[in-house]
């Protein structure tokens, strides 16, 4: 059983370079879709391709693995350097129902391959867990999206 975030990462590089003003719309819009599988090859309806996976290792270190079958970018194990609360008007959860948006973070490399040095999580939509687990199933998920 995983504790902490498990995420599929999508490559928005072309969108960001061609239409930078659209990039901020991706998290609140994509949060409204439920992927059918964590191993999808693209994010419908945008067709952004998978660029990697994010998870926590057995020591609780956040890992971003950007070595996909299509590209070998690298892997980075991080530590939190800074964080700020999401703005009060950020999307609270799917369908506008939830406990709020998770913090925006700056993570720095503890160790990495491919020259990766930093990870930023910004423009979050949803993701805050309930204050307590009372009334929740033994295993539950809290969906979120971010740039």
N, C-alpha and C. Protein backbone atom coordinates (compact mmCIF):
# COMPACT_ATOMS: atom_id res chain seq x y z
N UNK A 1 0.84 -1.17 0.00
CA UNK A 1 0.00 0.00 0.00
C UNK A 1 0.89 1.24 0.00
N UNK A 2 0.58 2.16 -0.88
CA UNK A 2 1.36 3.40 -0.98
C UNK A 2 0.87 4.43 0.02
N UNK A 3 1.79 5.16 0.56
CA UNK A 3 1.48 6.28 1.43
C UNK A 3 2.04 7.52 0.73
N UNK A 4 1.21 8.50 0.50
CA UNK A 4 1.66 9.69 -0.19
C UNK A 4 1.27 9.65 -1.65
N UNK A 5 1.74 10.62 -2.36
CA UNK A 5 1.34 10.80 -3.76
C UNK A 5 1.87 9.68 -4.65
N UNK A 6 1.02 9.28 -5.55
CA UNK A 6 1.38 8.42 -6.67
C UNK A 6 0.80 9.15 -7.87
N UNK A 7 1.63 9.50 -8.82
CA UNK A 7 1.13 10.32 -9.92
C UNK A 7 1.72 9.88 -11.25
N UNK A 8 0.92 10.08 -12.28
CA UNK A 8 1.39 9.96 -13.64
C UNK A 8 1.69 11.37 -14.11
N UNK A 9 2.87 11.55 -14.69
CA UNK A 9 3.31 12.87 -15.14
C UNK A 9 3.14 12.95 -16.66
N UNK A 10 2.62 14.08 -17.13
CA UNK A 10 2.37 14.27 -18.55
C UNK A 10 3.24 15.41 -19.08
N UNK A 11 3.68 15.28 -20.32
CA UNK A 11 4.55 16.25 -20.96
C UNK A 11 3.72 17.35 -21.62
N UNK A 12 3.78 18.55 -21.04
CA UNK A 12 3.06 19.71 -21.57
C UNK A 12 4.01 20.70 -22.22
N UNK A 13 5.22 20.25 -22.57
CA UNK A 13 6.25 21.14 -23.12
C UNK A 13 5.78 21.86 -24.38
N UNK A 14 5.22 21.15 -25.33
CA UNK A 14 4.78 21.78 -26.58
C UNK A 14 3.66 22.78 -26.33
N UNK A 15 2.71 22.41 -25.50
CA UNK A 15 1.62 23.32 -25.16
C UNK A 15 2.16 24.57 -24.48
N UNK A 16 3.08 24.39 -23.53
CA UNK A 16 3.63 25.53 -22.79
C UNK A 16 4.42 26.47 -23.70
N UNK A 17 5.13 25.92 -24.67
CA UNK A 17 5.92 26.78 -25.55
C UNK A 17 5.07 27.44 -26.63
N UNK A 18 4.00 26.77 -27.05
CA UNK A 18 3.15 27.31 -28.11
C UNK A 18 2.05 28.21 -27.56
N UNK A 19 1.42 27.80 -26.47
CA UNK A 19 0.32 28.54 -25.87
C UNK A 19 0.53 28.66 -24.36
N UNK A 20 1.52 29.44 -23.91
CA UNK A 20 1.84 29.48 -22.48
C UNK A 20 0.66 29.89 -21.60
N UNK A 21 -0.26 30.69 -22.12
CA UNK A 21 -1.40 31.12 -21.30
C UNK A 21 -2.37 29.98 -21.01
N UNK A 22 -2.31 28.89 -21.79
CA UNK A 22 -3.21 27.75 -21.57
C UNK A 22 -2.69 26.80 -20.49
N UNK A 23 -1.40 26.86 -20.19
CA UNK A 23 -0.81 25.91 -19.26
C UNK A 23 -1.51 25.91 -17.89
N UNK A 24 -1.85 27.08 -17.39
CA UNK A 24 -2.49 27.19 -16.08
C UNK A 24 -3.88 26.57 -16.03
N UNK A 25 -4.50 26.35 -17.18
CA UNK A 25 -5.84 25.75 -17.21
C UNK A 25 -5.80 24.23 -17.08
N UNK A 26 -4.64 23.63 -17.31
CA UNK A 26 -4.57 22.17 -17.31
C UNK A 26 -4.94 21.55 -15.96
N UNK A 27 -4.35 21.99 -14.82
CA UNK A 27 -4.71 21.33 -13.55
C UNK A 27 -6.20 21.37 -13.20
N UNK A 28 -6.86 22.53 -13.22
CA UNK A 28 -8.27 22.51 -12.83
C UNK A 28 -9.16 21.73 -13.80
N UNK A 29 -8.81 21.72 -15.08
CA UNK A 29 -9.60 20.97 -16.05
C UNK A 29 -9.31 19.47 -15.95
N UNK A 30 -8.02 19.10 -15.90
CA UNK A 30 -7.69 17.67 -15.87
C UNK A 30 -8.16 16.99 -14.59
N UNK A 31 -8.28 17.75 -13.51
CA UNK A 31 -8.78 17.17 -12.25
C UNK A 31 -10.19 16.62 -12.41
N UNK A 32 -10.95 17.15 -13.35
CA UNK A 32 -12.34 16.73 -13.54
C UNK A 32 -12.45 15.39 -14.27
N UNK A 33 -11.35 14.89 -14.84
CA UNK A 33 -11.36 13.61 -15.54
C UNK A 33 -10.81 12.53 -14.61
N UNK A 34 -11.37 11.34 -14.71
CA UNK A 34 -10.87 10.20 -13.95
C UNK A 34 -10.15 9.26 -14.90
N UNK A 35 -8.82 9.24 -14.84
CA UNK A 35 -8.10 8.30 -15.72
C UNK A 35 -8.55 6.87 -15.44
N UNK A 36 -8.67 6.09 -16.49
CA UNK A 36 -9.12 4.70 -16.31
C UNK A 36 -8.00 3.80 -15.85
N UNK A 37 -6.77 4.23 -16.05
CA UNK A 37 -5.63 3.42 -15.67
C UNK A 37 -4.44 4.32 -15.36
N UNK A 38 -3.68 4.01 -14.30
CA UNK A 38 -2.52 4.84 -14.01
C UNK A 38 -1.43 4.71 -15.07
N UNK A 39 -1.56 3.77 -15.98
CA UNK A 39 -0.55 3.55 -17.00
C UNK A 39 -1.00 4.02 -18.38
N UNK A 40 -1.96 4.95 -18.42
CA UNK A 40 -2.39 5.49 -19.71
C UNK A 40 -1.19 6.09 -20.43
N UNK A 41 -1.23 6.08 -21.76
CA UNK A 41 -0.12 6.65 -22.52
C UNK A 41 -0.33 8.12 -22.84
N UNK A 42 -1.57 8.63 -22.69
CA UNK A 42 -1.83 10.04 -22.89
C UNK A 42 -3.00 10.47 -22.03
N UNK A 43 -3.11 11.78 -21.81
CA UNK A 43 -4.18 12.34 -20.99
C UNK A 43 -5.26 12.86 -21.90
N UNK A 44 -6.38 12.13 -21.98
CA UNK A 44 -7.49 12.57 -22.81
C UNK A 44 -8.23 13.68 -22.07
N UNK A 45 -8.81 14.65 -22.72
CA UNK A 45 -8.86 14.80 -24.17
C UNK A 45 -7.70 15.60 -24.75
N UNK A 46 -6.71 15.92 -23.97
CA UNK A 46 -5.60 16.76 -24.43
C UNK A 46 -4.55 16.02 -25.25
N UNK A 47 -4.48 14.70 -25.07
CA UNK A 47 -3.47 13.87 -25.72
C UNK A 47 -2.04 14.23 -25.32
N UNK A 48 -1.86 14.77 -24.11
CA UNK A 48 -0.52 14.97 -23.58
C UNK A 48 0.05 13.58 -23.29
N UNK A 49 1.28 13.33 -23.69
CA UNK A 49 1.87 12.00 -23.52
C UNK A 49 2.51 11.87 -22.14
N UNK A 50 2.56 10.66 -21.65
CA UNK A 50 3.16 10.38 -20.35
C UNK A 50 4.66 10.64 -20.42
N UNK A 51 5.16 11.39 -19.42
CA UNK A 51 6.60 11.64 -19.37
C UNK A 51 7.25 10.95 -18.17
N UNK A 52 6.45 10.37 -17.28
CA UNK A 52 7.05 9.67 -16.16
C UNK A 52 6.08 9.39 -15.03
N UNK A 53 6.65 9.00 -13.90
CA UNK A 53 5.88 8.65 -12.70
C UNK A 53 6.46 9.36 -11.49
N UNK A 54 5.60 9.63 -10.52
CA UNK A 54 6.02 10.20 -9.23
C UNK A 54 5.49 9.29 -8.14
N UNK A 55 6.35 9.02 -7.16
CA UNK A 55 5.97 8.17 -6.03
C UNK A 55 6.94 8.44 -4.90
N UNK A 56 6.73 7.81 -3.76
CA UNK A 56 7.63 7.91 -2.62
C UNK A 56 8.32 6.57 -2.43
N UNK A 57 9.63 6.60 -2.14
CA UNK A 57 10.34 5.34 -1.90
C UNK A 57 10.10 4.88 -0.46
N UNK A 58 10.71 3.78 -0.07
CA UNK A 58 10.47 3.19 1.26
C UNK A 58 10.91 4.09 2.41
N UNK A 59 11.75 5.09 2.14
CA UNK A 59 12.19 6.01 3.20
C UNK A 59 11.33 7.27 3.24
N UNK A 60 10.34 7.37 2.34
CA UNK A 60 9.48 8.54 2.29
C UNK A 60 10.02 9.66 1.41
N UNK A 61 11.05 9.37 0.63
CA UNK A 61 11.64 10.36 -0.27
C UNK A 61 10.83 10.43 -1.55
N UNK A 62 10.43 11.65 -1.97
CA UNK A 62 9.71 11.77 -3.25
C UNK A 62 10.64 11.49 -4.43
N UNK A 63 10.16 10.66 -5.35
CA UNK A 63 10.91 10.27 -6.54
C UNK A 63 10.12 10.69 -7.77
N UNK A 64 10.81 11.28 -8.73
CA UNK A 64 10.23 11.61 -10.03
C UNK A 64 11.05 10.85 -11.06
N UNK A 65 10.43 9.86 -11.69
CA UNK A 65 11.11 9.00 -12.65
C UNK A 65 10.66 9.41 -14.05
N UNK A 66 11.55 10.08 -14.78
CA UNK A 66 11.24 10.56 -16.12
C UNK A 66 11.93 9.71 -17.20
N UNK A 67 12.20 8.47 -16.86
CA UNK A 67 12.75 7.53 -17.83
C UNK A 67 11.63 6.65 -18.35
N UNK A 68 10.95 7.13 -19.39
CA UNK A 68 9.86 6.38 -20.00
C UNK A 68 10.41 5.56 -21.16
N UNK A 69 9.55 4.78 -21.77
CA UNK A 69 9.99 4.01 -22.93
C UNK A 69 10.28 4.93 -24.11
N UNK A 70 9.62 6.08 -24.17
CA UNK A 70 9.82 7.01 -25.28
C UNK A 70 11.07 7.87 -25.10
N UNK A 71 11.33 8.32 -23.87
CA UNK A 71 12.46 9.22 -23.61
C UNK A 71 13.15 8.80 -22.32
N UNK A 72 14.43 9.03 -22.26
CA UNK A 72 15.21 8.78 -21.04
C UNK A 72 15.73 10.14 -20.56
N UNK A 73 14.98 10.79 -19.68
CA UNK A 73 15.34 12.12 -19.19
C UNK A 73 16.12 12.04 -17.89
N UNK A 74 15.75 11.10 -17.03
CA UNK A 74 16.44 10.94 -15.76
C UNK A 74 15.49 10.68 -14.62
N UNK A 75 16.06 10.52 -13.44
CA UNK A 75 15.30 10.29 -12.21
C UNK A 75 15.86 11.21 -11.14
N UNK A 76 14.96 11.73 -10.30
CA UNK A 76 15.40 12.63 -9.23
C UNK A 76 14.71 12.24 -7.93
N UNK A 77 15.51 12.08 -6.89
CA UNK A 77 15.02 11.89 -5.52
C UNK A 77 15.17 13.25 -4.86
N UNK A 78 14.12 13.74 -4.22
CA UNK A 78 14.08 15.14 -3.78
C UNK A 78 13.90 15.31 -2.29
N UNK A 79 14.14 16.53 -1.86
CA UNK A 79 13.74 16.98 -0.53
C UNK A 79 13.10 18.36 -0.70
N UNK A 80 12.18 18.65 0.19
CA UNK A 80 11.45 19.93 0.12
C UNK A 80 12.36 21.07 0.55
N UNK A 81 12.47 22.09 -0.30
CA UNK A 81 13.23 23.28 0.06
C UNK A 81 12.31 24.42 0.48
N UNK A 82 11.13 24.51 -0.15
CA UNK A 82 10.20 25.59 0.17
C UNK A 82 8.78 25.18 -0.20
N UNK A 83 7.82 25.79 0.45
CA UNK A 83 6.42 25.54 0.15
C UNK A 83 5.55 26.70 0.57
N UNK A 84 4.51 26.96 -0.20
CA UNK A 84 3.53 27.98 0.15
C UNK A 84 2.15 27.39 -0.06
N UNK A 85 1.19 27.87 0.72
CA UNK A 85 -0.18 27.40 0.56
C UNK A 85 -0.72 27.82 -0.79
N UNK A 86 -1.56 26.97 -1.36
CA UNK A 86 -2.24 27.31 -2.61
C UNK A 86 -3.14 28.52 -2.35
N UNK A 87 -3.38 29.33 -3.37
CA UNK A 87 -4.28 30.48 -3.19
C UNK A 87 -5.66 30.02 -2.73
N UNK A 88 -6.35 30.88 -2.01
CA UNK A 88 -7.66 30.52 -1.45
C UNK A 88 -8.70 30.24 -2.54
N UNK A 89 -8.50 30.74 -3.75
CA UNK A 89 -9.46 30.50 -4.82
C UNK A 89 -9.10 29.29 -5.69
N UNK A 90 -8.09 28.52 -5.28
CA UNK A 90 -7.72 27.32 -6.04
C UNK A 90 -8.85 26.29 -5.96
N UNK A 91 -8.97 25.47 -6.98
CA UNK A 91 -10.00 24.42 -7.02
C UNK A 91 -9.81 23.50 -5.83
N UNK A 92 -10.91 23.26 -5.08
CA UNK A 92 -10.80 22.47 -3.84
C UNK A 92 -10.80 20.97 -4.07
N UNK A 93 -11.33 20.52 -5.19
CA UNK A 93 -11.39 19.09 -5.49
C UNK A 93 -12.23 18.83 -6.71
N UNK A 94 -12.43 17.57 -7.05
CA UNK A 94 -13.23 17.21 -8.22
C UNK A 94 -14.64 17.75 -8.08
N UNK A 95 -15.12 18.38 -9.13
CA UNK A 95 -16.47 18.95 -9.10
C UNK A 95 -16.61 20.08 -8.11
N UNK A 96 -15.49 20.67 -7.69
CA UNK A 96 -15.52 21.76 -6.71
C UNK A 96 -15.75 21.28 -5.28
N UNK A 97 -15.74 19.96 -5.07
CA UNK A 97 -15.97 19.40 -3.75
C UNK A 97 -14.67 18.78 -3.25
N UNK A 98 -14.21 19.20 -2.09
CA UNK A 98 -12.99 18.65 -1.54
C UNK A 98 -12.52 19.46 -0.35
N UNK A 99 -11.31 19.20 0.08
CA UNK A 99 -10.77 19.83 1.28
C UNK A 99 -9.76 20.92 0.98
N UNK A 100 -9.62 21.27 -0.29
CA UNK A 100 -8.68 22.32 -0.67
C UNK A 100 -7.55 21.79 -1.51
N UNK A 101 -6.72 22.71 -1.96
CA UNK A 101 -5.59 22.37 -2.82
C UNK A 101 -4.30 22.24 -2.00
N UNK A 102 -3.48 21.29 -2.38
CA UNK A 102 -2.21 21.07 -1.70
C UNK A 102 -1.24 22.22 -1.98
N UNK A 103 -0.22 22.30 -1.14
CA UNK A 103 0.78 23.35 -1.24
C UNK A 103 1.51 23.35 -2.58
N UNK A 104 2.02 24.52 -2.93
CA UNK A 104 2.94 24.66 -4.04
C UNK A 104 4.32 24.43 -3.45
N UNK A 105 5.17 23.65 -4.12
CA UNK A 105 6.45 23.24 -3.55
C UNK A 105 7.63 23.50 -4.49
N UNK A 106 8.78 23.72 -3.88
CA UNK A 106 10.05 23.66 -4.58
C UNK A 106 10.82 22.52 -3.93
N UNK A 107 11.17 21.52 -4.74
CA UNK A 107 11.93 20.37 -4.29
C UNK A 107 13.30 20.40 -4.94
N UNK A 108 14.32 20.02 -4.20
CA UNK A 108 15.68 20.01 -4.74
C UNK A 108 16.24 18.59 -4.67
N UNK A 109 17.20 18.33 -5.54
CA UNK A 109 17.75 16.98 -5.67
C UNK A 109 18.56 16.57 -4.45
N UNK A 110 18.29 15.35 -3.97
CA UNK A 110 19.16 14.66 -3.02
C UNK A 110 20.14 13.82 -3.82
N UNK A 111 19.61 13.24 -4.90
CA UNK A 111 20.41 12.48 -5.86
C UNK A 111 19.59 12.43 -7.16
N UNK A 112 20.30 12.36 -8.27
CA UNK A 112 19.58 12.35 -9.54
C UNK A 112 20.44 11.80 -10.66
N UNK A 113 19.78 11.53 -11.78
CA UNK A 113 20.45 11.17 -13.02
C UNK A 113 19.93 12.12 -14.09
N UNK A 114 20.68 12.23 -15.18
CA UNK A 114 20.23 13.07 -16.29
C UNK A 114 20.34 14.56 -16.04
N UNK A 115 21.03 14.97 -14.97
CA UNK A 115 21.20 16.40 -14.71
C UNK A 115 20.00 17.07 -14.07
N UNK A 116 19.01 16.32 -13.64
CA UNK A 116 17.83 16.92 -12.99
C UNK A 116 18.22 17.51 -11.64
N UNK A 117 17.76 18.73 -11.36
CA UNK A 117 18.15 19.42 -10.13
C UNK A 117 17.00 19.87 -9.26
N UNK A 118 15.87 20.25 -9.87
CA UNK A 118 14.75 20.79 -9.10
C UNK A 118 13.43 20.32 -9.68
N UNK A 119 12.42 20.29 -8.82
CA UNK A 119 11.05 20.02 -9.22
C UNK A 119 10.18 21.08 -8.56
N UNK A 120 9.28 21.64 -9.34
CA UNK A 120 8.32 22.61 -8.81
C UNK A 120 6.93 22.03 -8.96
N UNK A 121 6.11 22.14 -7.92
CA UNK A 121 4.69 21.77 -7.99
C UNK A 121 3.92 23.06 -7.76
N UNK A 122 3.30 23.56 -8.82
CA UNK A 122 2.56 24.82 -8.72
C UNK A 122 1.17 24.65 -9.31
N UNK A 123 0.35 25.66 -9.12
CA UNK A 123 -0.99 25.70 -9.69
C UNK A 123 -1.76 24.43 -9.36
N UNK A 124 -1.78 24.06 -8.10
CA UNK A 124 -2.44 22.83 -7.68
C UNK A 124 -3.95 22.98 -7.67
N UNK A 125 -4.62 21.88 -7.92
CA UNK A 125 -6.09 21.80 -7.88
C UNK A 125 -6.45 20.55 -7.10
N UNK A 126 -7.06 20.73 -5.92
CA UNK A 126 -7.44 19.60 -5.08
C UNK A 126 -6.25 18.98 -4.37
N UNK A 127 -6.48 17.80 -3.78
CA UNK A 127 -5.40 17.03 -3.19
C UNK A 127 -5.28 17.03 -1.68
N UNK A 128 -5.93 17.97 -0.99
CA UNK A 128 -5.82 17.94 0.47
C UNK A 128 -6.67 16.80 1.01
N UNK A 129 -6.10 16.00 1.89
CA UNK A 129 -6.87 14.89 2.48
C UNK A 129 -7.85 15.43 3.52
N UNK A 130 -8.81 14.60 3.91
CA UNK A 130 -9.71 15.02 4.99
C UNK A 130 -8.92 15.22 6.28
N UNK A 131 -9.48 16.01 7.19
CA UNK A 131 -8.81 16.29 8.47
C UNK A 131 -8.57 15.02 9.27
N UNK A 132 -9.50 14.07 9.18
CA UNK A 132 -9.33 12.77 9.84
C UNK A 132 -9.76 11.68 8.87
N UNK A 133 -9.41 10.46 9.17
CA UNK A 133 -9.80 9.33 8.32
C UNK A 133 -11.10 8.69 8.80
N UNK A 134 -11.72 9.27 9.82
CA UNK A 134 -12.98 8.74 10.34
C UNK A 134 -14.02 8.77 9.23
N UNK A 135 -14.66 7.62 9.01
CA UNK A 135 -15.69 7.51 7.99
C UNK A 135 -15.14 7.18 6.61
N UNK A 136 -13.83 7.15 6.47
CA UNK A 136 -13.23 6.79 5.19
C UNK A 136 -12.99 5.28 5.14
N UNK A 137 -12.92 4.75 3.92
CA UNK A 137 -12.56 3.35 3.76
C UNK A 137 -11.10 3.17 4.16
N UNK A 138 -10.67 1.93 4.38
CA UNK A 138 -9.29 1.67 4.79
C UNK A 138 -8.30 2.23 3.77
N UNK A 139 -8.62 2.09 2.49
CA UNK A 139 -7.79 2.64 1.41
C UNK A 139 -8.64 3.66 0.65
N UNK A 140 -8.14 4.88 0.53
CA UNK A 140 -8.86 5.88 -0.24
C UNK A 140 -7.87 6.78 -0.95
N UNK A 141 -8.36 7.46 -1.97
CA UNK A 141 -7.54 8.36 -2.77
C UNK A 141 -8.12 9.76 -2.71
N UNK A 142 -7.23 10.74 -2.82
CA UNK A 142 -7.62 12.14 -2.94
C UNK A 142 -6.98 12.63 -4.23
N UNK A 143 -7.80 12.88 -5.23
CA UNK A 143 -7.30 13.27 -6.55
C UNK A 143 -6.80 14.72 -6.52
N UNK A 144 -5.73 14.97 -7.28
CA UNK A 144 -5.29 16.33 -7.51
C UNK A 144 -4.52 16.41 -8.81
N UNK A 145 -4.36 17.64 -9.28
CA UNK A 145 -3.58 17.91 -10.49
C UNK A 145 -2.73 19.14 -10.22
N UNK A 146 -1.64 19.26 -10.95
CA UNK A 146 -0.74 20.40 -10.76
C UNK A 146 0.12 20.59 -12.00
N UNK A 147 0.69 21.79 -12.09
CA UNK A 147 1.73 22.03 -13.11
C UNK A 147 3.02 21.58 -12.50
